[in-house]
PDB file of all heavy atoms in Angstrom:
ATOM      1  N   ILE A   1      12.486   3.102  12.421  1.00  0.00           N
ATOM      2  CA  ILE A   1      13.559   3.922  11.837  1.00  0.00           C
ATOM      3  C   ILE A   1      14.600   4.266  12.889  1.00  0.00           C
ATOM      4  O   ILE A   1      15.815   4.171  12.658  1.00  0.00           O
ATOM      5  CB  ILE A   1      12.968   5.201  11.204  1.00  0.00           C
ATOM      6  CG1 ILE A   1      12.105   4.833   9.992  1.00  0.00           C
ATOM      7  CG2 ILE A   1      14.066   6.174  10.804  1.00  0.00           C
ATOM      8  CD1 ILE A   1      11.293   5.976   9.431  1.00  0.00           C
ATOM      9  N   GLU A   2      14.148   4.664  14.080  1.00  0.00           N
ATOM     10  CA  GLU A   2      15.076   5.046  15.146  1.00  0.00           C
ATOM     11  C   GLU A   2      15.923   3.856  15.596  1.00  0.00           C
ATOM     12  O   GLU A   2      17.123   3.998  15.831  1.00  0.00           O
ATOM     13  CB  GLU A   2      14.296   5.603  16.332  1.00  0.00           C
ATOM     14  CG  GLU A   2      15.180   6.056  17.487  1.00  0.00           C
ATOM     15  CD  GLU A   2      14.381   6.650  18.622  1.00  0.00           C
ATOM     16  OE1 GLU A   2      13.156   6.874  18.458  1.00  0.00           O
ATOM     17  OE2 GLU A   2      14.971   6.889  19.699  1.00  0.00           O
ATOM     18  N   ARG A   3      15.298   2.682  15.711  1.00  0.00           N
ATOM     19  CA  ARG A   3      16.015   1.507  16.230  1.00  0.00           C
ATOM     20  C   ARG A   3      16.940   0.880  15.194  1.00  0.00           C
ATOM     21  O   ARG A   3      18.070   0.464  15.512  1.00  0.00           O
ATOM     22  CB  ARG A   3      14.990   0.470  16.710  1.00  0.00           C
ATOM     23  CG  ARG A   3      15.569  -0.897  17.083  1.00  0.00           C
ATOM     24  CD  ARG A   3      16.472  -0.824  18.293  1.00  0.00           C
ATOM     25  NE  ARG A   3      16.934  -2.158  18.665  1.00  0.00           N
ATOM     26  CZ  ARG A   3      17.964  -2.777  18.097  1.00  0.00           C
ATOM     27  NH1 ARG A   3      18.660  -2.175  17.124  1.00  0.00           N
ATOM     28  NH2 ARG A   3      18.315  -3.997  18.499  1.00  0.00           N
ATOM     29  N   PHE A   4      16.500   0.805  13.942  1.00  0.00           N
ATOM     30  CA  PHE A   4      17.247   0.026  12.960  1.00  0.00           C
ATOM     31  C   PHE A   4      17.767   0.835  11.777  1.00  0.00           C
ATOM     32  O   PHE A   4      18.393   0.261  10.878  1.00  0.00           O
ATOM     33  CB  PHE A   4      16.368  -1.120  12.426  1.00  0.00           C
ATOM     34  CG  PHE A   4      15.988  -2.125  13.466  1.00  0.00           C
ATOM     35  CD1 PHE A   4      14.700  -2.147  13.988  1.00  0.00           C
ATOM     36  CD2 PHE A   4      16.910  -3.037  13.938  1.00  0.00           C
ATOM     37  CE1 PHE A   4      14.342  -3.072  14.953  1.00  0.00           C
ATOM     38  CE2 PHE A   4      16.565  -3.971  14.903  1.00  0.00           C
ATOM     39  CZ  PHE A   4      15.273  -3.988  15.426  1.00  0.00           C
ATOM     40  N   GLY A   5      17.548   2.153  11.768  1.00  0.00           N
ATOM     41  CA  GLY A   5      17.964   2.961  10.626  1.00  0.00           C
ATOM     42  C   GLY A   5      19.452   2.914  10.353  1.00  0.00           C
ATOM     43  O   GLY A   5      19.888   3.091   9.212  1.00  0.00           O
ATOM     44  N   GLY A   6      20.260   2.654  11.384  1.00  0.00           N
ATOM     45  CA  GLY A   6      21.706   2.550  11.186  1.00  0.00           C
ATOM     46  C   GLY A   6      22.165   1.201  10.691  1.00  0.00           C
ATOM     47  O   GLY A   6      23.350   1.036  10.338  1.00  0.00           O
ATOM     48  N   LEU A   7      21.264   0.215  10.663  1.00  0.00           N
ATOM     49  CA  LEU A   7      21.621  -1.146  10.263  1.00  0.00           C
ATOM     50  C   LEU A   7      21.055  -1.538   8.904  1.00  0.00           C
ATOM     51  O   LEU A   7      21.570  -2.465   8.271  1.00  0.00           O
ATOM     52  CB  LEU A   7      21.108  -2.146  11.311  1.00  0.00           C
ATOM     53  CG  LEU A   7      21.525  -1.907  12.760  1.00  0.00           C
ATOM     54  CD1 LEU A   7      20.924  -2.988  13.667  1.00  0.00           C
ATOM     55  CD2 LEU A   7      23.034  -1.879  12.895  1.00  0.00           C
ATOM     56  N   ALA A   8      19.988  -0.847   8.490  1.00  0.00           N
ATOM     57  CA  ALA A   8      19.302  -1.243   7.260  1.00  0.00           C
ATOM     58  C   ALA A   8      18.605  -0.046   6.648  1.00  0.00           C
ATOM     59  O   ALA A   8      18.285   0.925   7.341  1.00  0.00           O
ATOM     60  CB  ALA A   8      18.261  -2.330   7.571  1.00  0.00           C
ATOM     61  N   GLY A   9      18.365  -0.111   5.352  1.00  0.00           N
ATOM     62  CA  GLY A   9      17.501   0.868   4.727  1.00  0.00           C
ATOM     63  C   GLY A   9      16.068   0.617   5.169  1.00  0.00           C
ATOM     64  O   GLY A   9      15.669  -0.531   5.389  1.00  0.00           O
ATOM     65  N   ILE A  10      15.291   1.673   5.323  1.00  0.00           N
ATOM     66  CA  ILE A  10      13.915   1.544   5.793  1.00  0.00           C
ATOM     67  C   ILE A  10      12.973   2.030   4.707  1.00  0.00           C
ATOM     68  O   ILE A  10      13.108   3.144   4.202  1.00  0.00           O
ATOM     69  CB  ILE A  10      13.666   2.373   7.079  1.00  0.00           C
ATOM     70  CG1 ILE A  10      14.756   2.102   8.128  1.00  0.00           C
ATOM     71  CG2 ILE A  10      12.278   2.079   7.618  1.00  0.00           C
ATOM     72  CD1 ILE A  10      14.728   0.749   8.746  1.00  0.00           C
ATOM     73  N   ASP A  11      12.015   1.190   4.334  1.00  0.00           N
ATOM     74  CA  ASP A  11      11.000   1.552   3.351  1.00  0.00           C
ATOM     75  C   ASP A  11       9.616   1.431   3.980  1.00  0.00           C
ATOM     76  O   ASP A  11       9.326   0.460   4.686  1.00  0.00           O
ATOM     77  CB  ASP A  11      11.055   0.630   2.130  1.00  0.00           C
ATOM     78  CG  ASP A  11      12.359   0.763   1.362  1.00  0.00           C
ATOM     79  OD1 ASP A  11      12.808   1.904   1.169  1.00  0.00           O
ATOM     80  OD2 ASP A  11      12.914  -0.279   0.976  1.00  0.00           O
ATOM     81  N   THR A  12       8.770   2.415   3.725  1.00  0.00           N
ATOM     82  CA  THR A  12       7.365   2.312   4.094  1.00  0.00           C
ATOM     83  C   THR A  12       6.613   1.758   2.894  1.00  0.00           C
ATOM     84  O   THR A  12       6.652   2.326   1.802  1.00  0.00           O
ATOM     85  CB  THR A  12       6.790   3.683   4.485  1.00  0.00           C
ATOM     86  OG1 THR A  12       7.509   4.182   5.610  1.00  0.00           O
ATOM     87  CG2 THR A  12       5.311   3.567   4.848  1.00  0.00           C
ATOM     88  N   VAL A  13       5.959   0.630   3.071  1.00  0.00           N
ATOM     89  CA  VAL A  13       5.278  -0.035   1.958  1.00  0.00           C
ATOM     90  C   VAL A  13       3.789  -0.106   2.234  1.00  0.00           C
ATOM     91  O   VAL A  13       3.363  -0.380   3.361  1.00  0.00           O
ATOM     92  CB  VAL A  13       5.839  -1.446   1.702  1.00  0.00           C
ATOM     93  CG1 VAL A  13       7.290  -1.371   1.297  1.00  0.00           C
ATOM     94  CG2 VAL A  13       5.681  -2.344   2.917  1.00  0.00           C
ATOM     95  N   TYR A  14       2.987   0.167   1.209  1.00  0.00           N
ATOM     96  CA  TYR A  14       1.545   0.068   1.357  1.00  0.00           C
ATOM     97  C   TYR A  14       1.120  -1.382   1.231  1.00  0.00           C
ATOM     98  O   TYR A  14       1.422  -2.047   0.241  1.00  0.00           O
ATOM     99  CB  TYR A  14       0.827   0.911   0.307  1.00  0.00           C
ATOM    100  CG  TYR A  14      -0.668   0.745   0.386  1.00  0.00           C
ATOM    101  CD1 TYR A  14      -1.388   1.326   1.426  1.00  0.00           C
ATOM    102  CD2 TYR A  14      -1.346  -0.031  -0.538  1.00  0.00           C
ATOM    103  CE1 TYR A  14      -2.755   1.148   1.514  1.00  0.00           C
ATOM    104  CE2 TYR A  14      -2.707  -0.210  -0.457  1.00  0.00           C
ATOM    105  CZ  TYR A  14      -3.412   0.382   0.583  1.00  0.00           C
ATOM    106  OH  TYR A  14      -4.761   0.191   0.674  1.00  0.00           O
ATOM    107  N   SER A  15       0.458  -1.885   2.234  1.00  0.00           N
ATOM    108  CA  SER A  15      -0.012  -3.263   2.241  1.00  0.00           C
ATOM    109  C   SER A  15      -1.479  -3.285   1.836  1.00  0.00           C
ATOM    110  O   SER A  15      -2.338  -2.818   2.577  1.00  0.00           O
ATOM    111  CB  SER A  15       0.160  -3.874   3.635  1.00  0.00           C
ATOM    112  OG  SER A  15      -0.304  -5.200   3.658  1.00  0.00           O
ATOM    113  N   GLY A  16      -1.753  -3.808   0.662  1.00  0.00           N
ATOM    114  CA  GLY A  16      -3.109  -3.817   0.142  1.00  0.00           C
ATOM    115  C   GLY A  16      -3.927  -4.989   0.652  1.00  0.00           C
ATOM    116  O   GLY A  16      -3.496  -5.777   1.500  1.00  0.00           O
ATOM    117  N   SER A  17      -5.117  -5.124   0.104  1.00  0.00           N
ATOM    118  CA  SER A  17      -6.061  -6.141   0.570  1.00  0.00           C
ATOM    119  C   SER A  17      -5.860  -7.490  -0.105  1.00  0.00           C
ATOM    120  O   SER A  17      -6.592  -8.427   0.177  1.00  0.00           O
ATOM    121  CB  SER A  17      -7.491  -5.666   0.323  1.00  0.00           C
ATOM    122  OG  SER A  17      -7.769  -5.641  -1.070  1.00  0.00           O
ATOM    123  N   ARG A  18      -4.878  -7.589  -0.995  1.00  0.00           N
ATOM    124  CA  ARG A  18      -4.626  -8.833  -1.726  1.00  0.00           C
ATOM    125  C   ARG A  18      -5.868  -9.282  -2.487  1.00  0.00           C
ATOM    126  O   ARG A  18      -6.366 -10.386  -2.334  1.00  0.00           O
ATOM    127  CB  ARG A  18      -4.141  -9.941  -0.795  1.00  0.00           C
ATOM    128  CG  ARG A  18      -3.032  -9.535   0.143  1.00  0.00           C
ATOM    129  CD  ARG A  18      -1.794  -9.032  -0.587  1.00  0.00           C
ATOM    130  NE  ARG A  18      -0.703  -8.696   0.331  1.00  0.00           N
ATOM    131  CZ  ARG A  18       0.468  -8.196  -0.050  1.00  0.00           C
ATOM    132  NH1 ARG A  18       0.691  -7.956  -1.332  1.00  0.00           N
ATOM    133  NH2 ARG A  18       1.402  -7.926   0.831  1.00  0.00           N
ATOM    134  N   GLY A  19      -6.367  -8.358  -3.284  1.00  0.00           N
ATOM    135  CA  GLY A  19      -7.543  -8.652  -4.094  1.00  0.00           C
ATOM    136  C   GLY A  19      -8.789  -8.874  -3.270  1.00  0.00           C
ATOM    137  O   GLY A  19      -9.661  -9.653  -3.653  1.00  0.00           O
ATOM    138  N   GLY A  20      -8.875  -8.177  -2.126  1.00  0.00           N
ATOM    139  CA  GLY A  20     -10.059  -8.257  -1.297  1.00  0.00           C
ATOM    140  C   GLY A  20     -10.027  -9.312  -0.220  1.00  0.00           C
ATOM    141  O   GLY A  20     -11.014  -9.477   0.511  1.00  0.00           O
ATOM    142  N   LEU A  21      -8.909 -10.021  -0.054  1.00  0.00           N
ATOM    143  CA  LEU A  21      -8.839 -11.081   0.956  1.00  0.00           C
ATOM    144  C   LEU A  21      -8.621 -10.541   2.362  1.00  0.00           C
ATOM    145  O   LEU A  21      -8.981 -11.188   3.341  1.00  0.00           O
ATOM    146  CB  LEU A  21      -7.710 -12.059   0.618  1.00  0.00           C
ATOM    147  CG  LEU A  21      -7.933 -12.999  -0.568  1.00  0.00           C
ATOM    148  CD1 LEU A  21      -6.733 -13.915  -0.728  1.00  0.00           C
ATOM    149  CD2 LEU A  21      -9.199 -13.818  -0.380  1.00  0.00           C
ATOM    150  N   VAL A  22      -7.977  -9.366   2.479  1.00  0.00           N
ATOM    151  CA  VAL A  22      -7.625  -8.814   3.780  1.00  0.00           C
ATOM    152  C   VAL A  22      -8.301  -7.460   3.929  1.00  0.00           C
ATOM    153  O   VAL A  22      -8.299  -6.648   2.994  1.00  0.00           O
ATOM    154  CB  VAL A  22      -6.093  -8.661   3.931  1.00  0.00           C
ATOM    155  CG1 VAL A  22      -5.747  -8.079   5.298  1.00  0.00           C
ATOM    156  CG2 VAL A  22      -5.409 -10.009   3.742  1.00  0.00           C
ATOM    157  N   ASN A  23      -8.822  -7.185   5.089  1.00  0.00           N
ATOM    158  CA  ASN A  23      -9.500  -5.919   5.342  1.00  0.00           C
ATOM    159  C   ASN A  23      -8.491  -4.858   5.757  1.00  0.00           C
ATOM    160  O   ASN A  23      -8.051  -4.813   6.900  1.00  0.00           O
ATOM    161  CB  ASN A  23     -10.554  -6.092   6.438  1.00  0.00           C
ATOM    162  CG  ASN A  23     -11.284  -4.795   6.747  1.00  0.00           C
ATOM    163  OD1 ASN A  23     -11.334  -3.885   5.924  1.00  0.00           O
ATOM    164  ND2 ASN A  23     -11.834  -4.707   7.936  1.00  0.00           N
ATOM    165  N   VAL A  24      -8.105  -4.010   4.809  1.00  0.00           N
ATOM    166  CA  VAL A  24      -7.196  -2.905   5.100  1.00  0.00           C
ATOM    167  C   VAL A  24      -7.827  -1.606   4.631  1.00  0.00           C
ATOM    168  O   VAL A  24      -8.680  -1.592   3.751  1.00  0.00           O
ATOM    169  CB  VAL A  24      -5.813  -3.080   4.421  1.00  0.00           C
ATOM    170  CG1 VAL A  24      -5.112  -4.312   4.932  1.00  0.00           C
ATOM    171  CG2 VAL A  24      -5.943  -3.130   2.914  1.00  0.00           C
ATOM    172  N   ARG A  25      -7.384  -0.517   5.233  1.00  0.00           N
ATOM    173  CA  ARG A  25      -7.876   0.781   4.810  1.00  0.00           C
ATOM    174  C   ARG A  25      -7.167   1.191   3.531  1.00  0.00           C
ATOM    175  O   ARG A  25      -5.951   1.170   3.439  1.00  0.00           O
ATOM    176  CB  ARG A  25      -7.610   1.820   5.909  1.00  0.00           C
ATOM    177  CG  ARG A  25      -8.128   3.210   5.555  1.00  0.00           C
ATOM    178  CD  ARG A  25      -7.927   4.165   6.731  1.00  0.00           C
ATOM    179  NE  ARG A  25      -6.519   4.305   7.053  1.00  0.00           N
ATOM    180  CZ  ARG A  25      -6.005   4.064   8.258  1.00  0.00           C
ATOM    181  NH1 ARG A  25      -6.769   3.648   9.237  1.00  0.00           N
ATOM    182  NH2 ARG A  25      -4.719   4.219   8.491  1.00  0.00           N
ATOM    183  N   MET A  26      -7.926   1.596   2.527  1.00  0.00           N
ATOM    184  CA  MET A  26      -7.343   2.013   1.264  1.00  0.00           C
ATOM    185  C   MET A  26      -6.647   3.354   1.404  1.00  0.00           C
ATOM    186  O   MET A  26      -7.115   4.248   2.103  1.00  0.00           O
ATOM    187  CB  MET A  26      -8.421   2.121   0.183  1.00  0.00           C
ATOM    188  CG  MET A  26      -9.029   0.795  -0.234  1.00  0.00           C
ATOM    189  SD  MET A  26     -10.181   1.028  -1.595  1.00  0.00           S
ATOM    190  CE  MET A  26     -10.741  -0.648  -1.855  1.00  0.00           C
ATOM    191  N   SER A  27      -5.521   3.480   0.742  1.00  0.00           N
ATOM    192  CA  SER A  27      -4.822   4.756   0.701  1.00  0.00           C
ATOM    193  C   SER A  27      -5.574   5.711  -0.223  1.00  0.00           C
ATOM    194  O   SER A  27      -6.049   5.320  -1.284  1.00  0.00           O
ATOM    195  CB  SER A  27      -3.394   4.550   0.173  1.00  0.00           C
ATOM    196  OG  SER A  27      -2.741   5.770  -0.023  1.00  0.00           O
ATOM    197  N   GLU A  28      -5.678   6.970   0.159  1.00  0.00           N
ATOM    198  CA  GLU A  28      -6.471   7.926  -0.615  1.00  0.00           C
ATOM    199  C   GLU A  28      -5.936   8.115  -2.029  1.00  0.00           C
ATOM    200  O   GLU A  28      -6.685   8.378  -2.955  1.00  0.00           O
ATOM    201  CB  GLU A  28      -6.508   9.270   0.105  1.00  0.00           C
ATOM    202  CG  GLU A  28      -7.321   9.227   1.405  1.00  0.00           C
ATOM    203  CD  GLU A  28      -7.345  10.568   2.088  1.00  0.00           C
ATOM    204  OE1 GLU A  28      -6.722  11.518   1.548  1.00  0.00           O
ATOM    205  OE2 GLU A  28      -7.969  10.684   3.152  1.00  0.00           O
ATOM    206  N   ASN A  29      -4.626   7.977  -2.197  1.00  0.00           N
ATOM    207  CA  ASN A  29      -4.072   8.202  -3.532  1.00  0.00           C
ATOM    208  C   ASN A  29      -4.124   6.951  -4.406  1.00  0.00           C
ATOM    209  O   ASN A  29      -3.684   6.964  -5.535  1.00  0.00           O
ATOM    210  CB  ASN A  29      -2.624   8.700  -3.448  1.00  0.00           C
ATOM    211  CG  ASN A  29      -1.681   7.644  -2.888  1.00  0.00           C
ATOM    212  OD1 ASN A  29      -2.112   6.722  -2.228  1.00  0.00           O
ATOM    213  ND2 ASN A  29      -0.399   7.804  -3.146  1.00  0.00           N
ATOM    214  N   ILE A  30      -4.653   5.850  -3.869  1.00  0.00           N
ATOM    215  CA  ILE A  30      -4.785   4.621  -4.653  1.00  0.00           C
ATOM    216  C   ILE A  30      -6.243   4.328  -4.975  1.00  0.00           C
ATOM    217  O   ILE A  30      -6.582   3.882  -6.059  1.00  0.00           O
ATOM    218  CB  ILE A  30      -4.150   3.427  -3.904  1.00  0.00           C
ATOM    219  CG1 ILE A  30      -2.628   3.620  -3.837  1.00  0.00           C
ATOM    220  CG2 ILE A  30      -4.493   2.098  -4.552  1.00  0.00           C
ATOM    221  CD1 ILE A  30      -1.905   2.551  -3.070  1.00  0.00           C
ATOM    222  N   GLU A  31      -7.137   4.637  -4.060  1.00  0.00           N
ATOM    223  CA  GLU A  31      -8.547   4.335  -4.280  1.00  0.00           C
ATOM    224  C   GLU A  31      -9.092   5.123  -5.470  1.00  0.00           C
ATOM    225  O   GLU A  31      -8.853   6.316  -5.600  1.00  0.00           O
ATOM    226  CB  GLU A  31      -9.351   4.661  -3.022  1.00  0.00           C
ATOM    227  CG  GLU A  31     -10.793   4.194  -3.071  1.00  0.00           C
ATOM    228  CD  GLU A  31     -11.489   4.404  -1.746  1.00  0.00           C
ATOM    229  OE1 GLU A  31     -10.887   4.994  -0.844  1.00  0.00           O
ATOM    230  OE2 GLU A  31     -12.639   3.977  -1.639  1.00  0.00           O
ATOM    231  N   LYS A  32      -9.813   4.448  -6.357  1.00  0.00           N
ATOM    232  CA  LYS A  32     -10.328   5.069  -7.574  1.00  0.00           C
ATOM    233  C   LYS A  32     -11.835   4.866  -7.684  1.00  0.00           C
ATOM    234  O   LYS A  32     -12.407   3.953  -7.108  1.00  0.00           O
ATOM    235  CB  LYS A  32      -9.655   4.467  -8.818  1.00  0.00           C
ATOM    236  CG  LYS A  32      -8.132   4.471  -8.779  1.00  0.00           C
ATOM    237  CD  LYS A  32      -7.554   5.861  -8.850  1.00  0.00           C
ATOM    238  CE  LYS A  32      -6.037   5.824  -8.852  1.00  0.00           C
ATOM    239  NZ  LYS A  32      -5.430   7.149  -8.882  1.00  0.00           N
ATOM    240  N   GLU A  33     -12.454   5.739  -8.466  1.00  0.00           N
ATOM    241  CA  GLU A  33     -13.870   5.545  -8.778  1.00  0.00           C
ATOM    242  C   GLU A  33     -13.978   4.441  -9.829  1.00  0.00           C
ATOM    243  O   GLU A  33     -13.220   4.416 -10.802  1.00  0.00           O
ATOM    244  CB  GLU A  33     -14.473   6.836  -9.321  1.00  0.00           C
ATOM    245  CG  GLU A  33     -14.623   7.921  -8.273  1.00  0.00           C
ATOM    246  CD  GLU A  33     -15.587   7.543  -7.164  1.00  0.00           C
ATOM    247  OE1 GLU A  33     -16.587   6.856  -7.462  1.00  0.00           O
ATOM    248  OE2 GLU A  33     -15.333   7.903  -6.007  1.00  0.00           O
ATOM    249  N   PRO A  34     -14.911   3.500  -9.654  1.00  0.00           N
ATOM    250  CA  PRO A  34     -15.059   2.407 -10.617  1.00  0.00           C
ATOM    251  C   PRO A  34     -15.342   2.910 -12.030  1.00  0.00           C
ATOM    252  O   PRO A  34     -16.035   3.903 -12.224  1.00  0.00           O
ATOM    253  CB  PRO A  34     -16.230   1.596 -10.062  1.00  0.00           C
ATOM    254  CG  PRO A  34     -16.248   1.929  -8.601  1.00  0.00           C
ATOM    255  CD  PRO A  34     -15.815   3.365  -8.516  1.00  0.00           C
ATOM    256  N   GLY A  35     -14.814   2.208 -12.990  1.00  0.00           N
ATOM    257  CA  GLY A  35     -15.003   2.494 -14.403  1.00  0.00           C
ATOM    258  C   GLY A  35     -14.242   1.447 -15.184  1.00  0.00           C
ATOM    259  O   GLY A  35     -13.768   0.472 -14.613  1.00  0.00           O
ATOM    260  N   PRO A  36     -14.074   1.595 -16.495  1.00  0.00           N
ATOM    261  CA  PRO A  36     -13.287   0.632 -17.264  1.00  0.00           C
ATOM    262  C   PRO A  36     -11.838   0.594 -16.765  1.00  0.00           C
ATOM    263  O   PRO A  36     -11.226   1.630 -16.522  1.00  0.00           O
ATOM    264  CB  PRO A  36     -13.364   1.170 -18.700  1.00  0.00           C
ATOM    265  CG  PRO A  36     -14.582   2.038 -18.716  1.00  0.00           C
ATOM    266  CD  PRO A  36     -14.686   2.637 -17.349  1.00  0.00           C
ATOM    267  N   LEU A  37     -11.305  -0.604 -16.628  1.00  0.00           N
ATOM    268  CA  LEU A  37      -9.908  -0.747 -16.220  1.00  0.00           C
ATOM    269  C   LEU A  37      -8.988  -0.245 -17.322  1.00  0.00           C
ATOM    270  O   LEU A  37      -9.191  -0.539 -18.501  1.00  0.00           O
ATOM    271  CB  LEU A  37      -9.594  -2.217 -15.926  1.00  0.00           C
ATOM    272  CG  LEU A  37     -10.204  -2.827 -14.664  1.00  0.00           C
ATOM    273  CD1 LEU A  37     -10.018  -4.341 -14.673  1.00  0.00           C
ATOM    274  CD2 LEU A  37      -9.578  -2.226 -13.421  1.00  0.00           C
ATOM    275  N   VAL A  38      -7.956   0.509 -16.932  1.00  0.00           N
ATOM    276  CA  VAL A  38      -6.984   1.001 -17.918  1.00  0.00           C
ATOM    277  C   VAL A  38      -5.548   0.791 -17.448  1.00  0.00           C
ATOM    278  O   VAL A  38      -4.621   1.335 -18.034  1.00  0.00           O
ATOM    279  CB  VAL A  38      -7.211   2.496 -18.236  1.00  0.00           C
ATOM    280  CG1 VAL A  38      -8.528   2.695 -18.970  1.00  0.00           C
ATOM    281  CG2 VAL A  38      -7.145   3.349 -16.971  1.00  0.00           C
ATOM    282  N   GLY A  39      -5.330   0.015 -16.395  1.00  0.00           N
ATOM    283  CA  GLY A  39      -3.956  -0.226 -15.990  1.00  0.00           C
ATOM    284  C   GLY A  39      -3.825  -0.597 -14.529  1.00  0.00           C
ATOM    285  O   GLY A  39      -4.806  -0.795 -13.810  1.00  0.00           O
ATOM    286  N   CYS A  40      -2.577  -0.684 -14.103  1.00  0.00           N
ATOM    287  CA  CYS A  40      -2.214  -1.057 -12.734  1.00  0.00           C
ATOM    288  C   CYS A  40      -1.217  -0.033 -12.216  1.00  0.00           C
ATOM    289  O   CYS A  40      -0.234   0.288 -12.898  1.00  0.00           O
ATOM    290  CB  CYS A  40      -1.587  -2.450 -12.723  1.00  0.00           C
ATOM    291  SG  CYS A  40      -0.829  -2.927 -11.154  1.00  0.00           S
TER     292      CYS A  40
END
């Protein structure tokens, strides 16, 4: 942000595991208790 904030908009994006292919830490507000799927 400090280096490039004057040249471009800066977004923080959550990078997921790509359906379990990549080992990333889950965000607390995304991780859910298993149950019937009801959406994305």
